[in-house]
Amino acid sequence: MIDLRIDKVLDVKGLICPRPMIMTMSTLRSMNPGQVLKVICNDSTTKHSVPGLCERSSFKLLEMKDENGIISFVIQK
């Protein structure tokens, strides 16, 4: 695991796409450059959609983990 400060945590477990994506984008837009967001979800489609969002929006995906169906992303704005 990456050892850095998480500025915000967004727990979207139980929601299905596109809700996790919309909420992730909205949260990142409200954050300052350089801040770090951790997103926790359990919709398997986010394994592809969140990395794509980061690539398209110039956010830095620092970490992605899938532990027993709980997926977490660490993203730097």
N, C-alpha and C. Protein backbone atom coordinates (compact mmCIF):
# COMPACT_ATOMS: atom_id res chain seq x y z
N MET A 1 0.83 -1.19 0.00
CA MET A 1 0.00 0.00 0.00
C MET A 1 0.87 1.25 0.00
N ILE A 2 0.39 2.25 -0.65
CA ILE A 2 1.11 3.52 -0.73
C ILE A 2 0.96 4.26 0.59
N ASP A 3 2.07 4.81 1.06
CA ASP A 3 2.05 5.54 2.32
C ASP A 3 1.98 7.03 2.04
N LEU A 4 0.75 7.54 1.94
CA LEU A 4 0.57 8.97 1.77
C LEU A 4 -0.74 9.38 2.42
N ARG A 5 -0.89 10.67 2.56
CA ARG A 5 -2.06 11.18 3.26
C ARG A 5 -3.28 11.15 2.34
N ILE A 6 -4.35 10.57 2.83
CA ILE A 6 -5.62 10.57 2.12
C ILE A 6 -6.40 11.79 2.62
N ASP A 7 -6.77 12.66 1.69
CA ASP A 7 -7.49 13.88 2.07
C ASP A 7 -9.00 13.65 2.21
N LYS A 8 -9.54 12.74 1.42
CA LYS A 8 -10.97 12.45 1.45
C LYS A 8 -11.20 10.99 1.13
N VAL A 9 -12.26 10.42 1.73
CA VAL A 9 -12.67 9.05 1.43
C VAL A 9 -14.10 9.10 0.91
N LEU A 10 -14.33 8.43 -0.21
CA LEU A 10 -15.65 8.35 -0.80
C LEU A 10 -16.07 6.88 -0.82
N ASP A 11 -17.05 6.53 -0.01
CA ASP A 11 -17.54 5.16 0.08
C ASP A 11 -18.82 5.05 -0.75
N VAL A 12 -18.72 4.35 -1.88
CA VAL A 12 -19.87 4.19 -2.77
C VAL A 12 -20.27 2.72 -2.90
N LYS A 13 -19.96 1.94 -1.87
CA LYS A 13 -20.37 0.53 -1.87
C LYS A 13 -21.89 0.46 -1.96
N GLY A 14 -22.38 -0.50 -2.76
CA GLY A 14 -23.81 -0.68 -2.91
C GLY A 14 -24.39 0.08 -4.09
N LEU A 15 -23.61 0.99 -4.66
CA LEU A 15 -24.08 1.75 -5.82
C LEU A 15 -23.52 1.12 -7.09
N ILE A 16 -24.29 1.20 -8.17
CA ILE A 16 -23.82 0.66 -9.44
C ILE A 16 -23.57 1.80 -10.43
N CYS A 17 -22.67 1.53 -11.37
CA CYS A 17 -22.34 2.55 -12.37
C CYS A 17 -23.61 2.97 -13.11
N PRO A 18 -23.74 4.25 -13.36
CA PRO A 18 -22.69 5.28 -13.36
C PRO A 18 -22.56 6.06 -12.06
N ARG A 19 -23.35 5.76 -11.03
CA ARG A 19 -23.31 6.56 -9.78
C ARG A 19 -21.91 6.67 -9.19
N PRO A 20 -21.15 5.57 -9.02
CA PRO A 20 -19.80 5.71 -8.45
C PRO A 20 -18.91 6.65 -9.28
N MET A 21 -19.03 6.56 -10.60
CA MET A 21 -18.23 7.42 -11.48
C MET A 21 -18.61 8.89 -11.32
N ILE A 22 -19.91 9.16 -11.32
CA ILE A 22 -20.39 10.53 -11.19
C ILE A 22 -19.95 11.13 -9.86
N MET A 23 -20.10 10.34 -8.79
CA MET A 23 -19.72 10.83 -7.46
C MET A 23 -18.20 11.02 -7.34
N THR A 24 -17.44 10.12 -7.96
CA THR A 24 -15.98 10.25 -7.94
C THR A 24 -15.55 11.52 -8.66
N MET A 25 -16.11 11.75 -9.85
CA MET A 25 -15.76 12.94 -10.62
C MET A 25 -16.16 14.21 -9.86
N SER A 26 -17.34 14.22 -9.29
CA SER A 26 -17.82 15.39 -8.55
C SER A 26 -16.92 15.67 -7.35
N THR A 27 -16.54 14.63 -6.63
CA THR A 27 -15.68 14.81 -5.45
C THR A 27 -14.31 15.32 -5.87
N LEU A 28 -13.74 14.74 -6.91
CA LEU A 28 -12.42 15.19 -7.38
C LEU A 28 -12.47 16.66 -7.83
N ARG A 29 -13.53 17.05 -8.49
CA ARG A 29 -13.65 18.44 -8.94
C ARG A 29 -13.68 19.42 -7.77
N SER A 30 -14.20 18.97 -6.63
CA SER A 30 -14.30 19.85 -5.46
C SER A 30 -12.99 19.92 -4.67
N MET A 31 -12.03 19.09 -5.03
CA MET A 31 -10.76 19.03 -4.30
C MET A 31 -9.71 19.93 -4.95
N ASN A 32 -8.69 20.24 -4.19
CA ASN A 32 -7.59 21.06 -4.69
C ASN A 32 -6.56 20.20 -5.41
N PRO A 33 -5.84 20.77 -6.38
CA PRO A 33 -4.77 20.02 -7.04
C PRO A 33 -3.78 19.45 -6.02
N GLY A 34 -3.40 18.20 -6.24
CA GLY A 34 -2.45 17.54 -5.35
C GLY A 34 -3.11 16.75 -4.23
N GLN A 35 -4.38 17.04 -3.94
CA GLN A 35 -5.06 16.29 -2.88
C GLN A 35 -5.35 14.86 -3.35
N VAL A 36 -5.55 13.98 -2.38
CA VAL A 36 -5.71 12.55 -2.67
C VAL A 36 -7.08 12.06 -2.17
N LEU A 37 -7.75 11.33 -3.05
CA LEU A 37 -9.07 10.76 -2.76
C LEU A 37 -8.97 9.24 -2.76
N LYS A 38 -9.58 8.61 -1.76
CA LYS A 38 -9.71 7.16 -1.75
C LYS A 38 -11.17 6.83 -2.01
N VAL A 39 -11.42 6.01 -3.02
CA VAL A 39 -12.77 5.59 -3.39
C VAL A 39 -12.90 4.11 -3.05
N ILE A 40 -13.98 3.76 -2.34
CA ILE A 40 -14.24 2.37 -1.97
C ILE A 40 -15.57 1.97 -2.58
N CYS A 41 -15.57 0.88 -3.35
CA CYS A 41 -16.80 0.45 -4.02
C CYS A 41 -16.83 -1.07 -4.15
N ASN A 42 -17.95 -1.57 -4.64
CA ASN A 42 -18.04 -3.02 -4.88
C ASN A 42 -18.69 -3.34 -6.22
N ASP A 43 -18.80 -2.38 -7.10
CA ASP A 43 -19.30 -2.60 -8.46
C ASP A 43 -18.10 -2.93 -9.35
N SER A 44 -18.04 -4.15 -9.87
CA SER A 44 -16.87 -4.59 -10.63
C SER A 44 -16.61 -3.78 -11.89
N THR A 45 -17.61 -3.10 -12.42
CA THR A 45 -17.39 -2.30 -13.63
C THR A 45 -16.46 -1.10 -13.36
N THR A 46 -16.35 -0.71 -12.10
CA THR A 46 -15.47 0.42 -11.78
C THR A 46 -14.00 0.07 -12.00
N LYS A 47 -13.65 -1.22 -12.03
CA LYS A 47 -12.25 -1.61 -12.27
C LYS A 47 -11.75 -1.11 -13.62
N HIS A 48 -12.68 -0.89 -14.54
CA HIS A 48 -12.30 -0.38 -15.85
C HIS A 48 -12.66 1.10 -16.00
N SER A 49 -13.78 1.50 -15.42
CA SER A 49 -14.25 2.87 -15.63
C SER A 49 -13.44 3.92 -14.85
N VAL A 50 -13.04 3.62 -13.63
CA VAL A 50 -12.28 4.60 -12.84
C VAL A 50 -10.89 4.85 -13.44
N PRO A 51 -10.13 3.80 -13.82
CA PRO A 51 -8.85 4.08 -14.48
C PRO A 51 -9.02 4.90 -15.77
N GLY A 52 -10.09 4.62 -16.52
CA GLY A 52 -10.36 5.38 -17.74
C GLY A 52 -10.67 6.84 -17.43
N LEU A 53 -11.44 7.06 -16.37
CA LEU A 53 -11.76 8.42 -15.93
C LEU A 53 -10.47 9.17 -15.59
N CYS A 54 -9.58 8.52 -14.86
CA CYS A 54 -8.33 9.16 -14.46
C CYS A 54 -7.50 9.52 -15.69
N GLU A 55 -7.43 8.62 -16.63
CA GLU A 55 -6.64 8.87 -17.83
C GLU A 55 -7.21 10.04 -18.64
N ARG A 56 -8.52 10.06 -18.82
CA ARG A 56 -9.16 11.12 -19.60
C ARG A 56 -9.10 12.47 -18.91
N SER A 57 -9.10 12.46 -17.59
CA SER A 57 -9.18 13.72 -16.82
C SER A 57 -7.85 14.17 -16.23
N SER A 58 -6.79 13.48 -16.55
CA SER A 58 -5.44 13.82 -16.06
C SER A 58 -5.31 13.71 -14.54
N PHE A 59 -6.11 12.84 -13.93
CA PHE A 59 -5.92 12.51 -12.53
C PHE A 59 -4.93 11.36 -12.47
N LYS A 60 -4.22 11.25 -11.36
CA LYS A 60 -3.20 10.20 -11.23
C LYS A 60 -3.75 9.06 -10.37
N LEU A 61 -3.91 7.90 -10.98
CA LEU A 61 -4.34 6.71 -10.25
C LEU A 61 -3.11 6.13 -9.56
N LEU A 62 -3.06 6.27 -8.24
CA LEU A 62 -1.90 5.84 -7.47
C LEU A 62 -1.98 4.37 -7.08
N GLU A 63 -3.20 3.89 -6.89
CA GLU A 63 -3.36 2.52 -6.42
C GLU A 63 -4.77 2.02 -6.73
N MET A 64 -4.86 0.73 -7.09
CA MET A 64 -6.14 0.06 -7.25
C MET A 64 -6.00 -1.32 -6.62
N LYS A 65 -6.94 -1.66 -5.73
CA LYS A 65 -6.91 -2.96 -5.06
C LYS A 65 -8.30 -3.58 -5.10
N ASP A 66 -8.34 -4.88 -5.25
CA ASP A 66 -9.59 -5.64 -5.17
C ASP A 66 -9.38 -6.73 -4.14
N GLU A 67 -10.04 -6.56 -3.00
CA GLU A 67 -9.92 -7.53 -1.91
C GLU A 67 -11.29 -8.10 -1.61
N ASN A 68 -11.51 -9.33 -2.07
CA ASN A 68 -12.78 -10.02 -1.84
C ASN A 68 -13.99 -9.22 -2.34
N GLY A 69 -13.84 -8.60 -3.51
CA GLY A 69 -14.94 -7.86 -4.10
C GLY A 69 -15.08 -6.42 -3.65
N ILE A 70 -14.27 -6.00 -2.70
CA ILE A 70 -14.25 -4.59 -2.29
C ILE A 70 -13.08 -3.94 -3.04
N ILE A 71 -13.42 -3.01 -3.90
CA ILE A 71 -12.43 -2.38 -4.77
C ILE A 71 -12.12 -1.00 -4.21
N SER A 72 -10.84 -0.68 -4.14
CA SER A 72 -10.47 0.66 -3.67
C SER A 72 -9.49 1.27 -4.67
N PHE A 73 -9.64 2.57 -4.81
CA PHE A 73 -8.79 3.37 -5.69
C PHE A 73 -8.21 4.52 -4.87
N VAL A 74 -6.97 4.84 -5.10
CA VAL A 74 -6.35 6.01 -4.51
C VAL A 74 -5.98 6.91 -5.68
N ILE A 75 -6.58 8.09 -5.73
CA ILE A 75 -6.45 8.98 -6.88
C ILE A 75 -5.96 10.35 -6.41
N GLN A 76 -4.97 10.86 -7.12
CA GLN A 76 -4.50 12.22 -6.83
C GLN A 76 -5.00 13.17 -7.90
N LYS A 77 -5.57 14.28 -7.43
CA LYS A 77 -6.07 15.28 -8.37
C LYS A 77 -4.91 16.06 -8.93
